[in-house]
Amino acid sequence: MEHSERNRVNVLRDFQGSFFAMSRLVSFPWTFLEKDLESNKSSDLISDILKQTCLHSLCRKFPPSVRFRRLFLSELIRRQEAADCDPLDELYDALAEVVGAEETAECYKSYLLPSGDAVSLLENVALISEGTTGLVTWEAALYLAEWALAHRQTFAGRYPTPKPSTRRTPPMRVLFTPPVCRTVLELGSGVGLTGITICRSCSPDRYVFSDCHPSVLQKLRNNIQLNSLAEQASPAVSVEDVDWTAATEERLKQIGADTVIAADVVYDPDVVGSLVKLLSKILRCPSPGAPPEVLICSTIRNQETYSGFKQQLEKAGISHHVIPGPVSRVFPYNRVSDIEMIKLYR
């Protein structure tokens, strides 16, 4: 009985996470629902699913697209009717709300954090719009965010080891130096999923989001505001227009990043050269005390393009090693995708 209840809780959590992230409907745990409907001939589980999705307060505040909600509710109704269960009025009422609703070019996606909070983002419905792919969240950003949640020390403010006083007069004193500020720079931040997750969960002192497309920068600022980061004293958050072809070493020194990250920036062979030149400048601009830690996470869609990126890194005198992936699943995305994260160093 306890095992069954635990499964039910996990299924409800999976439905909720997949719904708010607008995952493909085929990825939802329909099998568990079908078995429950067949064995109980009750709509109780569907009612609970509805409460955790379309009727949840998060949906009222940051609703997924009209089309997605319509498809999701239609699928719930189809499976309920196939099991010959009693009709659930609230299910049909929820569908009635979206049947005639106007579809828009933008929608909200929410990504649930282990803490129970959510990162809610305004994204474009189309994968490519306004000449850019930066107005939606891509899988490598989710992968990198999961890795960050499992390796929070990489982004957290650093505190030096206390040094004992050299004075012999008792009592022995321990001298503490001020904490060292941890600044994280993200290249190609897009709509902000990775950075907002790190700011909310990993305690950096300062986080610099960056991109160069005007529409992406505006949506990024809006999403930072949406998640109340601009209102908080810590971390200190800024959004920078960083053009990879024009960024100078002086500009990078001013940012002073201890950690530099990027997700899904290696997809176009035409920009790989500019990216490698920028990374070379970053690695030549060490922060006080240590070179910056540089992490690049990529979905490998074209092996030739990705291999070309690594070859250019080698020619620039930049070495790399592959970092193992996330240790736990937090966000719903396609786990079959070929995603790799590397650490760069000279």
C-alpha atoms as a PDB file:
ATOM      1  CA  MET A   1       0.000   0.000   0.000  1.00  0.00           C
ATOM      2  CA  GLU A   2       2.829   2.349   0.937  1.00  0.00           C
ATOM      3  CA  HIS A   3       4.709   1.481  -2.267  1.00  0.00           C
ATOM      4  CA  SER A   4       1.603   2.172  -4.354  1.00  0.00           C
ATOM      5  CA  GLU A   5       1.066   5.548  -2.669  1.00  0.00           C
ATOM      6  CA  ARG A   6       4.707   6.455  -3.281  1.00  0.00           C
ATOM      7  CA  ASN A   7       4.302   5.583  -6.943  1.00  0.00           C
ATOM      8  CA  ARG A   8       1.194   7.726  -7.104  1.00  0.00           C
ATOM      9  CA  VAL A   9       3.039  10.714  -5.596  1.00  0.00           C
ATOM     10  CA  ASN A  10       5.904  10.272  -8.073  1.00  0.00           C
ATOM     11  CA  VAL A  11       3.486  10.021 -11.003  1.00  0.00           C
ATOM     12  CA  LEU A  12       1.693  13.189  -9.946  1.00  0.00           C
ATOM     13  CA  ARG A  13       5.066  14.947  -9.709  1.00  0.00           C
ATOM     14  CA  ASP A  14       6.021  13.679 -13.174  1.00  0.00           C
ATOM     15  CA  PHE A  15       2.743  14.877 -14.655  1.00  0.00           C
ATOM     16  CA  GLN A  16       3.161  18.266 -13.035  1.00  0.00           C
ATOM     17  CA  GLY A  17       6.789  18.753 -14.091  1.00  0.00           C
ATOM     18  CA  SER A  18       6.125  17.634 -17.650  1.00  0.00           C
ATOM     19  CA  PHE A  19       3.001  19.768 -17.943  1.00  0.00           C
ATOM     20  CA  PHE A  20       4.593  23.028 -16.837  1.00  0.00           C
ATOM     21  CA  ALA A  21       7.681  22.409 -18.978  1.00  0.00           C
ATOM     22  CA  MET A  22       5.384  21.641 -21.937  1.00  0.00           C
ATOM     23  CA  SER A  23       7.062  18.303 -22.590  1.00  0.00           C
ATOM     24  CA  ARG A  24       5.921  16.103 -25.467  1.00  0.00           C
ATOM     25  CA  LEU A  25       2.694  14.343 -24.497  1.00  0.00           C
ATOM     26  CA  VAL A  26       4.158  10.929 -25.332  1.00  0.00           C
ATOM     27  CA  SER A  27       6.667  11.395 -22.488  1.00  0.00           C
ATOM     28  CA  PHE A  28       3.978  11.618 -19.784  1.00  0.00           C
ATOM     29  CA  PRO A  29       3.454   8.551 -17.508  1.00  0.00           C
ATOM     30  CA  TRP A  30       0.213   7.476 -19.190  1.00  0.00           C
ATOM     31  CA  THR A  31       0.752   3.779 -18.471  1.00  0.00           C
ATOM     32  CA  PHE A  32       0.352   4.253 -14.721  1.00  0.00           C
ATOM     33  CA  LEU A  33      -2.828   6.261 -15.313  1.00  0.00           C
ATOM     34  CA  GLU A  34      -4.273   3.593 -17.613  1.00  0.00           C
ATOM     35  CA  LYS A  35      -3.636   0.846 -15.074  1.00  0.00           C
ATOM     36  CA  ASP A  36      -5.183   2.922 -12.296  1.00  0.00           C
ATOM     37  CA  LEU A  37      -8.295   3.646 -14.371  1.00  0.00           C
ATOM     38  CA  GLU A  38      -8.675  -0.016 -15.307  1.00  0.00           C
ATOM     39  CA  SER A  39      -8.310  -1.311 -11.759  1.00  0.00           C
ATOM     40  CA  ASN A  40     -10.287   1.330  -9.869  1.00  0.00           C
ATOM     41  CA  LYS A  41     -12.817   2.544 -12.465  1.00  0.00           C
ATOM     42  CA  SER A  42     -12.477   5.874 -10.713  1.00  0.00           C
ATOM     43  CA  SER A  43     -11.489   9.345 -11.902  1.00  0.00           C
ATOM     44  CA  ASP A  44      -9.750  10.190  -8.621  1.00  0.00           C
ATOM     45  CA  LEU A  45      -6.252  10.104 -10.130  1.00  0.00           C
ATOM     46  CA  ILE A  46      -7.340  12.268 -13.062  1.00  0.00           C
ATOM     47  CA  SER A  47      -8.832  14.721 -10.580  1.00  0.00           C
ATOM     48  CA  ASP A  48      -5.520  14.846  -8.713  1.00  0.00           C
ATOM     49  CA  ILE A  49      -3.598  15.307 -11.977  1.00  0.00           C
ATOM     50  CA  LEU A  50      -5.899  18.173 -12.883  1.00  0.00           C
ATOM     51  CA  LYS A  51      -5.275  19.847  -9.511  1.00  0.00           C
ATOM     52  CA  GLN A  52      -1.522  19.616 -10.041  1.00  0.00           C
ATOM     53  CA  THR A  53      -1.651  20.969 -13.603  1.00  0.00           C
ATOM     54  CA  CYS A  54      -4.445  23.056 -15.164  1.00  0.00           C
ATOM     55  CA  LEU A  55      -6.086  23.942 -11.843  1.00  0.00           C
ATOM     56  CA  HIS A  56      -2.823  24.654 -10.032  1.00  0.00           C
ATOM     57  CA  SER A  57      -2.110  28.251  -8.992  1.00  0.00           C
ATOM     58  CA  LEU A  58       1.094  28.213 -11.071  1.00  0.00           C
ATOM     59  CA  CYS A  59      -0.986  27.577 -14.190  1.00  0.00           C
ATOM     60  CA  ARG A  60      -3.220  30.524 -13.388  1.00  0.00           C
ATOM     61  CA  LYS A  61      -0.184  32.778 -13.041  1.00  0.00           C
ATOM     62  CA  PHE A  62       2.115  31.360 -15.741  1.00  0.00           C
ATOM     63  CA  PRO A  63      -0.024  29.241 -18.107  1.00  0.00           C
ATOM     64  CA  PRO A  64       1.501  26.980 -20.775  1.00  0.00           C
ATOM     65  CA  SER A  65       0.322  27.628 -24.319  1.00  0.00           C
ATOM     66  CA  VAL A  66      -3.373  27.384 -25.153  1.00  0.00           C
ATOM     67  CA  ARG A  67      -2.724  24.693 -27.729  1.00  0.00           C
ATOM     68  CA  PHE A  68      -0.698  22.571 -25.293  1.00  0.00           C
ATOM     69  CA  ARG A  69      -3.341  22.778 -22.568  1.00  0.00           C
ATOM     70  CA  ARG A  70      -6.050  21.872 -25.075  1.00  0.00           C
ATOM     71  CA  LEU A  71      -4.109  18.808 -26.260  1.00  0.00           C
ATOM     72  CA  PHE A  72      -3.298  17.744 -22.699  1.00  0.00           C
ATOM     73  CA  LEU A  73      -6.903  17.991 -21.503  1.00  0.00           C
ATOM     74  CA  SER A  74      -8.193  16.222 -24.607  1.00  0.00           C
ATOM     75  CA  GLU A  75      -5.801  13.347 -23.909  1.00  0.00           C
ATOM     76  CA  LEU A  76      -6.983  13.080 -20.304  1.00  0.00           C
ATOM     77  CA  ILE A  77     -10.610  12.986 -21.476  1.00  0.00           C
ATOM     78  CA  ARG A  78      -9.832  10.376 -24.128  1.00  0.00           C
ATOM     79  CA  ARG A  79      -8.220   8.044 -21.613  1.00  0.00           C
ATOM     80  CA  GLN A  80     -10.979   8.577 -19.062  1.00  0.00           C
ATOM     81  CA  GLU A  81     -13.694   7.772 -21.609  1.00  0.00           C
ATOM     82  CA  ALA A  82     -11.769   4.732 -22.885  1.00  0.00           C
ATOM     83  CA  ALA A  83     -11.765   3.336 -19.335  1.00  0.00           C
ATOM     84  CA  ASP A  84     -15.515   3.976 -19.055  1.00  0.00           C
ATOM     85  CA  CYS A  85     -15.138   5.982 -15.857  1.00  0.00           C
ATOM     86  CA  ASP A  86     -17.697   8.446 -14.549  1.00  0.00           C
ATOM     87  CA  PRO A  87     -17.369  11.846 -16.246  1.00  0.00           C
ATOM     88  CA  LEU A  88     -15.439  14.483 -14.344  1.00  0.00           C
ATOM     89  CA  ASP A  89     -17.159  17.846 -14.715  1.00  0.00           C
ATOM     90  CA  GLU A  90     -14.079  19.910 -13.780  1.00  0.00           C
ATOM     91  CA  LEU A  91     -12.147  18.220 -16.592  1.00  0.00           C
ATOM     92  CA  TYR A  92     -14.670  19.325 -19.220  1.00  0.00           C
ATOM     93  CA  ASP A  93     -14.889  22.781 -17.628  1.00  0.00           C
ATOM     94  CA  ALA A  94     -11.121  23.171 -17.928  1.00  0.00           C
ATOM     95  CA  LEU A  95     -11.244  22.171 -21.591  1.00  0.00           C
ATOM     96  CA  ALA A  96     -14.070  24.643 -22.249  1.00  0.00           C
ATOM     97  CA  GLU A  97     -11.804  27.449 -20.978  1.00  0.00           C
ATOM     98  CA  VAL A  98      -9.183  26.843 -23.653  1.00  0.00           C
ATOM     99  CA  VAL A  99     -11.277  25.682 -26.616  1.00  0.00           C
ATOM    100  CA  GLY A 100     -12.084  29.199 -27.720  1.00  0.00           C
ATOM    101  CA  ALA A 101      -9.020  30.944 -26.278  1.00  0.00           C
ATOM    102  CA  GLU A 102      -6.736  32.836 -28.630  1.00  0.00           C
ATOM    103  CA  GLU A 103      -3.333  31.340 -29.336  1.00  0.00           C
ATOM    104  CA  THR A 104      -0.295  33.624 -29.045  1.00  0.00           C
ATOM    105  CA  ALA A 105       3.324  33.574 -30.214  1.00  0.00           C
ATOM    106  CA  GLU A 106       4.543  33.429 -26.609  1.00  0.00           C
ATOM    107  CA  CYS A 107       3.799  31.195 -23.652  1.00  0.00           C
ATOM    108  CA  TYR A 108       5.104  30.415 -20.198  1.00  0.00           C
ATOM    109  CA  LYS A 109       7.160  27.390 -19.315  1.00  0.00           C
ATOM    110  CA  SER A 110       7.921  26.567 -15.705  1.00  0.00           C
ATOM    111  CA  TYR A 111      10.713  24.285 -14.531  1.00  0.00           C
ATOM    112  CA  LEU A 112      10.264  22.843 -11.036  1.00  0.00           C
ATOM    113  CA  LEU A 113      13.263  22.945  -8.698  1.00  0.00           C
ATOM    114  CA  PRO A 114      14.028  20.348  -5.994  1.00  0.00           C
ATOM    115  CA  SER A 115      13.228  23.016  -3.394  1.00  0.00           C
ATOM    116  CA  GLY A 116       9.625  23.100  -4.610  1.00  0.00           C
ATOM    117  CA  ASP A 117      10.039  26.509  -6.240  1.00  0.00           C
ATOM    118  CA  ALA A 118       9.743  27.004  -9.983  1.00  0.00           C
ATOM    119  CA  VAL A 119      11.710  28.919 -12.598  1.00  0.00           C
ATOM    120  CA  SER A 120       9.020  30.411 -14.843  1.00  0.00           C
ATOM    121  CA  LEU A 121      10.032  31.797 -18.221  1.00  0.00           C
ATOM    122  CA  LEU A 122       8.275  33.587 -21.027  1.00  0.00           C
ATOM    123  CA  GLU A 123       9.372  31.798 -24.194  1.00  0.00           C
ATOM    124  CA  ASN A 124       8.423  31.852 -27.847  1.00  0.00           C
ATOM    125  CA  VAL A 125       6.248  29.020 -29.126  1.00  0.00           C
ATOM    126  CA  ALA A 126       8.293  28.686 -32.348  1.00  0.00           C
ATOM    127  CA  LEU A 127      11.781  27.179 -32.017  1.00  0.00           C
ATOM    128  CA  ILE A 128      13.193  29.734 -34.440  1.00  0.00           C
ATOM    129  CA  SER A 129      11.795  33.266 -34.530  1.00  0.00           C
ATOM    130  CA  GLU A 130      13.079  36.763 -35.242  1.00  0.00           C
ATOM    131  CA  GLY A 131      16.150  35.202 -36.833  1.00  0.00           C
ATOM    132  CA  THR A 132      17.351  33.516 -33.646  1.00  0.00           C
ATOM    133  CA  THR A 133      17.065  30.263 -31.698  1.00  0.00           C
ATOM    134  CA  GLY A 134      17.620  32.089 -28.406  1.00  0.00           C
ATOM    135  CA  LEU A 135      13.974  32.670 -27.490  1.00  0.00           C
ATOM    136  CA  VAL A 136      13.342  29.135 -26.224  1.00  0.00           C
ATOM    137  CA  THR A 137      15.007  26.806 -23.717  1.00  0.00           C
ATOM    138  CA  TRP A 138      17.157  24.049 -25.218  1.00  0.00           C
ATOM    139  CA  GLU A 139      18.124  20.689 -23.725  1.00  0.00           C
ATOM    140  CA  ALA A 140      21.766  21.538 -23.030  1.00  0.00           C
ATOM    141  CA  ALA A 141      20.617  24.421 -20.800  1.00  0.00           C
ATOM    142  CA  LEU A 142      18.521  21.986 -18.753  1.00  0.00           C
ATOM    143  CA  TYR A 143      21.437  19.525 -18.591  1.00  0.00           C
ATOM    144  CA  LEU A 144      23.835  22.233 -17.389  1.00  0.00           C
ATOM    145  CA  ALA A 145      21.301  23.471 -14.828  1.00  0.00           C
ATOM    146  CA  GLU A 146      20.953  19.930 -13.448  1.00  0.00           C
ATOM    147  CA  TRP A 147      24.743  19.640 -13.231  1.00  0.00           C
ATOM    148  CA  ALA A 148      24.887  22.955 -11.385  1.00  0.00           C
ATOM    149  CA  LEU A 149      22.327  21.753  -8.834  1.00  0.00           C
ATOM    150  CA  ALA A 150      24.550  18.742  -8.128  1.00  0.00           C
ATOM    151  CA  HIS A 151      27.759  20.860  -7.991  1.00  0.00           C
ATOM    152  CA  ARG A 152      26.676  24.034  -6.211  1.00  0.00           C
ATOM    153  CA  GLN A 153      30.165  24.624  -4.822  1.00  0.00           C
ATOM    154  CA  THR A 154      31.339  25.509  -8.339  1.00  0.00           C
ATOM    155  CA  PHE A 155      29.147  28.621  -8.268  1.00  0.00           C
ATOM    156  CA  ALA A 156      28.855  29.504  -4.573  1.00  0.00           C
ATOM    157  CA  GLY A 157      30.670  32.420  -2.952  1.00  0.00           C
ATOM    158  CA  ARG A 158      34.079  31.315  -1.755  1.00  0.00           C
ATOM    159  CA  TYR A 159      35.463  31.688   1.731  1.00  0.00           C
ATOM    160  CA  PRO A 160      39.240  31.371   2.194  1.00  0.00           C
ATOM    161  CA  THR A 161      40.701  28.992   4.749  1.00  0.00           C
ATOM    162  CA  PRO A 162      41.304  30.872   8.018  1.00  0.00           C
ATOM    163  CA  LYS A 163      44.979  31.424   8.870  1.00  0.00           C
ATOM    164  CA  PRO A 164      46.184  31.194  12.470  1.00  0.00           C
ATOM    165  CA  SER A 165      47.887  34.286  13.834  1.00  0.00           C
ATOM    166  CA  THR A 166      51.707  34.159  13.986  1.00  0.00           C
ATOM    167  CA  ARG A 167      51.718  36.117  17.244  1.00  0.00           C
ATOM    168  CA  ARG A 168      52.721  34.153  20.313  1.00  0.00           C
ATOM    169  CA  THR A 169      50.749  36.184  22.794  1.00  0.00           C
ATOM    170  CA  PRO A 170      47.793  34.228  24.213  1.00  0.00           C
ATOM    171  CA  PRO A 171      45.080  33.654  23.500  1.00  0.00           C
ATOM    172  CA  MET A 172      45.773  32.343  20.017  1.00  0.00           C
ATOM    173  CA  ARG A 173      43.725  34.345  17.499  1.00  0.00           C
ATOM    174  CA  VAL A 174      42.463  33.156  14.129  1.00  0.00           C
ATOM    175  CA  LEU A 175      42.624  35.768  11.412  1.00  0.00           C
ATOM    176  CA  PHE A 176      39.770  35.711   8.904  1.00  0.00           C
ATOM    177  CA  THR A 177      40.074  37.466   5.597  1.00  0.00           C
ATOM    178  CA  PRO A 178      36.941  38.722   3.823  1.00  0.00           C
ATOM    179  CA  PRO A 179      35.144  36.233   1.573  1.00  0.00           C
ATOM    180  CA  VAL A 180      36.182  36.183  -2.071  1.00  0.00           C
ATOM    181  CA  CYS A 181      33.392  37.257  -4.417  1.00  0.00           C
ATOM    182  CA  ARG A 182      32.316  34.555  -6.855  1.00  0.00           C
ATOM    183  CA  THR A 183      31.359  36.000 -10.236  1.00  0.00           C
ATOM    184  CA  VAL A 184      29.746  33.778 -12.856  1.00  0.00           C
ATOM    185  CA  LEU A 185      29.593  34.828 -16.511  1.00  0.00           C
ATOM    186  CA  GLU A 186      27.197  32.998 -18.815  1.00  0.00           C
ATOM    187  CA  LEU A 187      27.699  33.233 -22.571  1.00  0.00           C
ATOM    188  CA  GLY A 188      24.602  32.969 -24.763  1.00  0.00           C
ATOM    189  CA  SER A 189      22.146  33.022 -21.860  1.00  0.00           C
ATOM    190  CA  GLY A 190      19.052  32.847 -24.081  1.00  0.00           C
ATOM    191  CA  VAL A 191      15.838  33.119 -22.069  1.00  0.00           C
ATOM    192  CA  GLY A 192      17.714  32.468 -18.824  1.00  0.00           C
ATOM    193  CA  LEU A 193      16.895  28.971 -17.530  1.00  0.00           C
ATOM    194  CA  THR A 194      20.420  27.947 -16.492  1.00  0.00           C
ATOM    195  CA  GLY A 195      21.382  31.271 -14.973  1.00  0.00           C
ATOM    196  CA  ILE A 196      18.164  31.781 -13.040  1.00  0.00           C
ATOM    197  CA  THR A 197      18.422  28.241 -11.662  1.00  0.00           C
ATOM    198  CA  ILE A 198      21.979  28.903 -10.494  1.00  0.00           C
ATOM    199  CA  CYS A 199      21.029  32.258  -8.960  1.00  0.00           C
ATOM    200  CA  ARG A 200      18.088  30.690  -7.130  1.00  0.00           C
ATOM    201  CA  SER A 201      19.869  27.557  -5.909  1.00  0.00           C
ATOM    202  CA  CYS A 202      23.683  27.867  -5.939  1.00  0.00           C
ATOM    203  CA  SER A 203      24.420  31.163  -4.103  1.00  0.00           C
ATOM    204  CA  PRO A 204      26.850  32.967  -6.412  1.00  0.00           C
ATOM    205  CA  ASP A 205      27.812  36.479  -5.287  1.00  0.00           C
ATOM    206  CA  ARG A 206      27.438  37.964  -8.748  1.00  0.00           C
ATOM    207  CA  TYR A 207      25.939  36.597 -11.953  1.00  0.00           C
ATOM    208  CA  VAL A 208      26.404  38.141 -15.393  1.00  0.00           C
ATOM    209  CA  PHE A 209      23.929  37.018 -18.054  1.00  0.00           C
ATOM    210  CA  SER A 210      24.999  37.795 -21.607  1.00  0.00           C
ATOM    211  CA  ASP A 211      23.768  37.584 -25.171  1.00  0.00           C
ATOM    212  CA  CYS A 212      23.808  39.849 -28.207  1.00  0.00           C
ATOM    213  CA  HIS A 213      20.444  39.599 -29.991  1.00  0.00           C
ATOM    214  CA  PRO A 214      18.214  42.568 -28.972  1.00  0.00           C
ATOM    215  CA  SER A 215      15.032  40.484 -28.668  1.00  0.00           C
ATOM    216  CA  VAL A 216      16.833  37.821 -26.617  1.00  0.00           C
ATOM    217  CA  LEU A 217      18.302  40.445 -24.288  1.00  0.00           C
ATOM    218  CA  GLN A 218      14.884  41.998 -23.728  1.00  0.00           C
ATOM    219  CA  LYS A 219      13.217  38.653 -23.030  1.00  0.00           C
ATOM    220  CA  LEU A 220      16.110  37.746 -20.735  1.00  0.00           C
ATOM    221  CA  ARG A 221      15.627  40.946 -18.726  1.00  0.00           C
ATOM    222  CA  ASN A 222      11.894  40.276 -18.531  1.00  0.00           C
ATOM    223  CA  ASN A 223      12.457  36.737 -17.237  1.00  0.00           C
ATOM    224  CA  ILE A 224      14.934  37.933 -14.624  1.00  0.00           C
ATOM    225  CA  GLN A 225      12.299  40.384 -13.439  1.00  0.00           C
ATOM    226  CA  LEU A 226       9.634  37.666 -13.614  1.00  0.00           C
ATOM    227  CA  ASN A 227      11.659  35.529 -11.203  1.00  0.00           C
ATOM    228  CA  SER A 228      12.302  38.475  -8.832  1.00  0.00           C
ATOM    229  CA  LEU A 229      16.090  38.320  -9.218  1.00  0.00           C
ATOM    230  CA  ALA A 230      16.338  42.040  -9.935  1.00  0.00           C
ATOM    231  CA  GLU A 231      14.733  42.767  -6.568  1.00  0.00           C
ATOM    232  CA  GLN A 232      17.231  40.766  -4.530  1.00  0.00           C
ATOM    233  CA  ALA A 233      20.489  42.080  -3.085  1.00  0.00           C
ATOM    234  CA  SER A 234      22.218  38.740  -3.570  1.00  0.00           C
ATOM    235  CA  PRO A 235      23.259  37.613  -6.021  1.00  0.00           C
ATOM    236  CA  ALA A 236      24.016  40.855  -7.834  1.00  0.00           C
ATOM    237  CA  VAL A 237      22.587  40.262 -11.299  1.00  0.00           C
ATOM    238  CA  SER A 238      23.324  42.065 -14.546  1.00  0.00           C
ATOM    239  CA  VAL A 239      22.552  41.530 -18.231  1.00  0.00           C
ATOM    240  CA  GLU A 240      25.341  42.394 -20.669  1.00  0.00           C
ATOM    241  CA  ASP A 241      25.352  42.741 -24.443  1.00  0.00           C
ATOM    242  CA  VAL A 242      28.421  40.651 -25.315  1.00  0.00           C
ATOM    243  CA  ASP A 243      29.193  40.351 -29.018  1.00  0.00           C
ATOM    244  CA  TRP A 244      31.703  37.518 -29.368  1.00  0.00           C
ATOM    245  CA  THR A 245      33.390  39.191 -32.327  1.00  0.00           C
ATOM    246  CA  ALA A 246      33.863  42.526 -30.545  1.00  0.00           C
ATOM    247  CA  ALA A 247      34.435  41.707 -26.857  1.00  0.00           C
ATOM    248  CA  THR A 248      37.851  42.983 -25.750  1.00  0.00           C
ATOM    249  CA  GLU A 249      40.145  41.601 -23.077  1.00  0.00           C
ATOM    250  CA  GLU A 250      39.626  44.857 -21.178  1.00  0.00           C
ATOM    251  CA  ARG A 251      35.864  44.275 -21.139  1.00  0.00           C
ATOM    252  CA  LEU A 252      36.340  40.720 -19.937  1.00  0.00           C
ATOM    253  CA  LYS A 253      38.705  41.905 -17.195  1.00  0.00           C
ATOM    254  CA  GLN A 254      36.052  44.342 -16.030  1.00  0.00           C
ATOM    255  CA  ILE A 255      33.563  41.481 -15.709  1.00  0.00           C
ATOM    256  CA  GLY A 256      36.169  39.501 -13.754  1.00  0.00           C
ATOM    257  CA  ALA A 257      34.515  36.104 -13.994  1.00  0.00           C
ATOM    258  CA  ASP A 258      35.667  33.251 -11.763  1.00  0.00           C
ATOM    259  CA  THR A 259      33.426  30.783 -13.588  1.00  0.00           C
ATOM    260  CA  VAL A 260      32.308  30.979 -17.224  1.00  0.00           C
ATOM    261  CA  ILE A 261      29.557  28.745 -18.576  1.00  0.00           C
ATOM    262  CA  ALA A 262      27.698  28.318 -21.842  1.00  0.00           C
ATOM    263  CA  ALA A 263      24.993  25.930 -23.036  1.00  0.00           C
ATOM    264  CA  ASP A 264      24.154  25.050 -26.624  1.00  0.00           C
ATOM    265  CA  VAL A 265      26.440  27.600 -28.246  1.00  0.00           C
ATOM    266  CA  VAL A 266      28.214  25.140 -30.568  1.00  0.00           C
ATOM    267  CA  TYR A 267      25.637  24.558 -33.304  1.00  0.00           C
ATOM    268  CA  ASP A 268      26.638  26.883 -36.132  1.00  0.00           C
ATOM    269  CA  PRO A 269      30.049  26.415 -37.824  1.00  0.00           C
ATOM    270  CA  ASP A 270      29.954  30.079 -38.858  1.00  0.00           C
ATOM    271  CA  VAL A 271      30.234  31.284 -35.246  1.00  0.00           C
ATOM    272  CA  VAL A 272      32.589  28.627 -33.845  1.00  0.00           C
ATOM    273  CA  GLY A 273      35.673  30.658 -34.779  1.00  0.00           C
ATOM    274  CA  SER A 274      34.401  33.739 -32.929  1.00  0.00           C
ATOM    275  CA  LEU A 275      33.525  31.617 -29.896  1.00  0.00           C
ATOM    276  CA  VAL A 276      37.000  30.067 -29.728  1.00  0.00           C
ATOM    277  CA  LYS A 277      38.671  33.496 -29.978  1.00  0.00           C
ATOM    278  CA  LEU A 278      36.467  34.756 -27.151  1.00  0.00           C
ATOM    279  CA  LEU A 279      37.285  31.717 -24.998  1.00  0.00           C
ATOM    280  CA  SER A 280      40.999  32.322 -25.621  1.00  0.00           C
ATOM    281  CA  LYS A 281      40.616  35.890 -24.328  1.00  0.00           C
ATOM    282  CA  ILE A 282      38.700  34.671 -21.286  1.00  0.00           C
ATOM    283  CA  LEU A 283      41.396  32.148 -20.403  1.00  0.00           C
ATOM    284  CA  ARG A 284      44.019  34.903 -20.721  1.00  0.00           C
ATOM    285  CA  CYS A 285      42.106  37.066 -18.234  1.00  0.00           C
ATOM    286  CA  PRO A 286      42.444  35.212 -14.938  1.00  0.00           C
ATOM    287  CA  SER A 287      40.564  36.473 -11.933  1.00  0.00           C
ATOM    288  CA  PRO A 288      42.633  37.317  -8.823  1.00  0.00           C
ATOM    289  CA  GLY A 289      44.111  34.139  -7.425  1.00  0.00           C
ATOM    290  CA  ALA A 290      43.070  31.561 -10.037  1.00  0.00           C
ATOM    291  CA  PRO A 291      42.240  31.185 -13.732  1.00  0.00           C
ATOM    292  CA  PRO A 292      38.521  31.137 -14.513  1.00  0.00           C
ATOM    293  CA  GLU A 293      36.778  27.782 -14.675  1.00  0.00           C
ATOM    294  CA  VAL A 294      35.219  27.454 -18.139  1.00  0.00           C
ATOM    295  CA  LEU A 295      32.424  24.927 -18.800  1.00  0.00           C
ATOM    296  CA  ILE A 296      30.781  24.401 -22.194  1.00  0.00           C
ATOM    297  CA  CYS A 297      27.697  22.167 -22.518  1.00  0.00           C
ATOM    298  CA  SER A 298      26.587  21.110 -25.997  1.00  0.00           C
ATOM    299  CA  THR A 299      23.896  19.037 -27.632  1.00  0.00           C
ATOM    300  CA  ILE A 300      25.786  17.292 -30.436  1.00  0.00           C
ATOM    301  CA  ARG A 301      23.447  17.568 -33.413  1.00  0.00           C
ATOM    302  CA  ASN A 302      26.172  17.594 -36.043  1.00  0.00           C
ATOM    303  CA  GLN A 303      29.328  15.652 -35.213  1.00  0.00           C
ATOM    304  CA  GLU A 304      31.334  17.492 -37.867  1.00  0.00           C
ATOM    305  CA  THR A 305      30.509  20.890 -36.359  1.00  0.00           C
ATOM    306  CA  TYR A 306      31.303  19.727 -32.820  1.00  0.00           C
ATOM    307  CA  SER A 307      34.566  18.069 -33.875  1.00  0.00           C
ATOM    308  CA  GLY A 308      35.492  21.255 -35.730  1.00  0.00           C
ATOM    309  CA  PHE A 309      34.943  23.225 -32.503  1.00  0.00           C
ATOM    310  CA  LYS A 310      37.300  20.926 -30.596  1.00  0.00           C
ATOM    311  CA  GLN A 311      39.909  21.141 -33.354  1.00  0.00           C
ATOM    312  CA  GLN A 312      39.828  24.920 -33.237  1.00  0.00           C
ATOM    313  CA  LEU A 313      40.206  24.809 -29.460  1.00  0.00           C
ATOM    314  CA  GLU A 314      43.317  22.659 -29.877  1.00  0.00           C
ATOM    315  CA  LYS A 315      44.788  25.020 -32.476  1.00  0.00           C
ATOM    316  CA  ALA A 316      44.230  27.901 -30.053  1.00  0.00           C
ATOM    317  CA  GLY A 317      46.183  26.044 -27.370  1.00  0.00           C
ATOM    318  CA  ILE A 318      43.093  25.232 -25.314  1.00  0.00           C
ATOM    319  CA  SER A 319      42.788  21.745 -23.837  1.00  0.00           C
ATOM    320  CA  HIS A 320      39.640  20.141 -22.534  1.00  0.00           C
ATOM    321  CA  HIS A 321      38.298  17.144 -20.700  1.00  0.00           C
ATOM    322  CA  VAL A 322      34.796  15.726 -20.568  1.00  0.00           C
ATOM    323  CA  ILE A 323      32.847  16.161 -17.329  1.00  0.00           C
ATOM    324  CA  PRO A 324      30.383  13.430 -16.255  1.00  0.00           C
ATOM    325  CA  GLY A 325      26.736  14.366 -16.534  1.00  0.00           C
ATOM    326  CA  PRO A 326      24.106  15.179 -13.897  1.00  0.00           C
ATOM    327  CA  VAL A 327      23.744  12.689 -11.071  1.00  0.00           C
ATOM    328  CA  SER A 328      19.994  13.073 -10.679  1.00  0.00           C
ATOM    329  CA  ARG A 329      17.061  13.932 -12.915  1.00  0.00           C
ATOM    330  CA  VAL A 330      15.443  17.235 -12.095  1.00  0.00           C
ATOM    331  CA  PHE A 331      13.951  18.579 -15.327  1.00  0.00           C
ATOM    332  CA  PRO A 332      12.022  16.744 -18.033  1.00  0.00           C
ATOM    333  CA  TYR A 333      13.826  16.608 -21.371  1.00  0.00           C
ATOM    334  CA  ASN A 334      14.889  14.059 -23.954  1.00  0.00           C
ATOM    335  CA  ARG A 335      17.547  11.917 -22.278  1.00  0.00           C
ATOM    336  CA  VAL A 336      18.383  10.187 -25.547  1.00  0.00           C
ATOM    337  CA  SER A 337      19.950  13.377 -26.929  1.00  0.00           C
ATOM    338  CA  ASP A 338      23.745  13.323 -27.213  1.00  0.00           C
ATOM    339  CA  ILE A 339      24.832  16.004 -24.734  1.00  0.00           C
ATOM    340  CA  GLU A 340      28.405  16.577 -23.597  1.00  0.00           C
ATOM    341  CA  MET A 341      29.952  19.023 -21.146  1.00  0.00           C
ATOM    342  CA  ILE A 342      33.640  19.898 -21.254  1.00  0.00           C
ATOM    343  CA  LYS A 343      35.968  21.922 -19.057  1.00  0.00           C
ATOM    344  CA  LEU A 344      38.528  24.113 -20.823  1.00  0.00           C
ATOM    345  CA  TYR A 345      42.032  24.988 -19.639  1.00  0.00           C
ATOM    346  CA  ARG A 346      45.400  26.083 -20.984  1.00  0.00           C
END
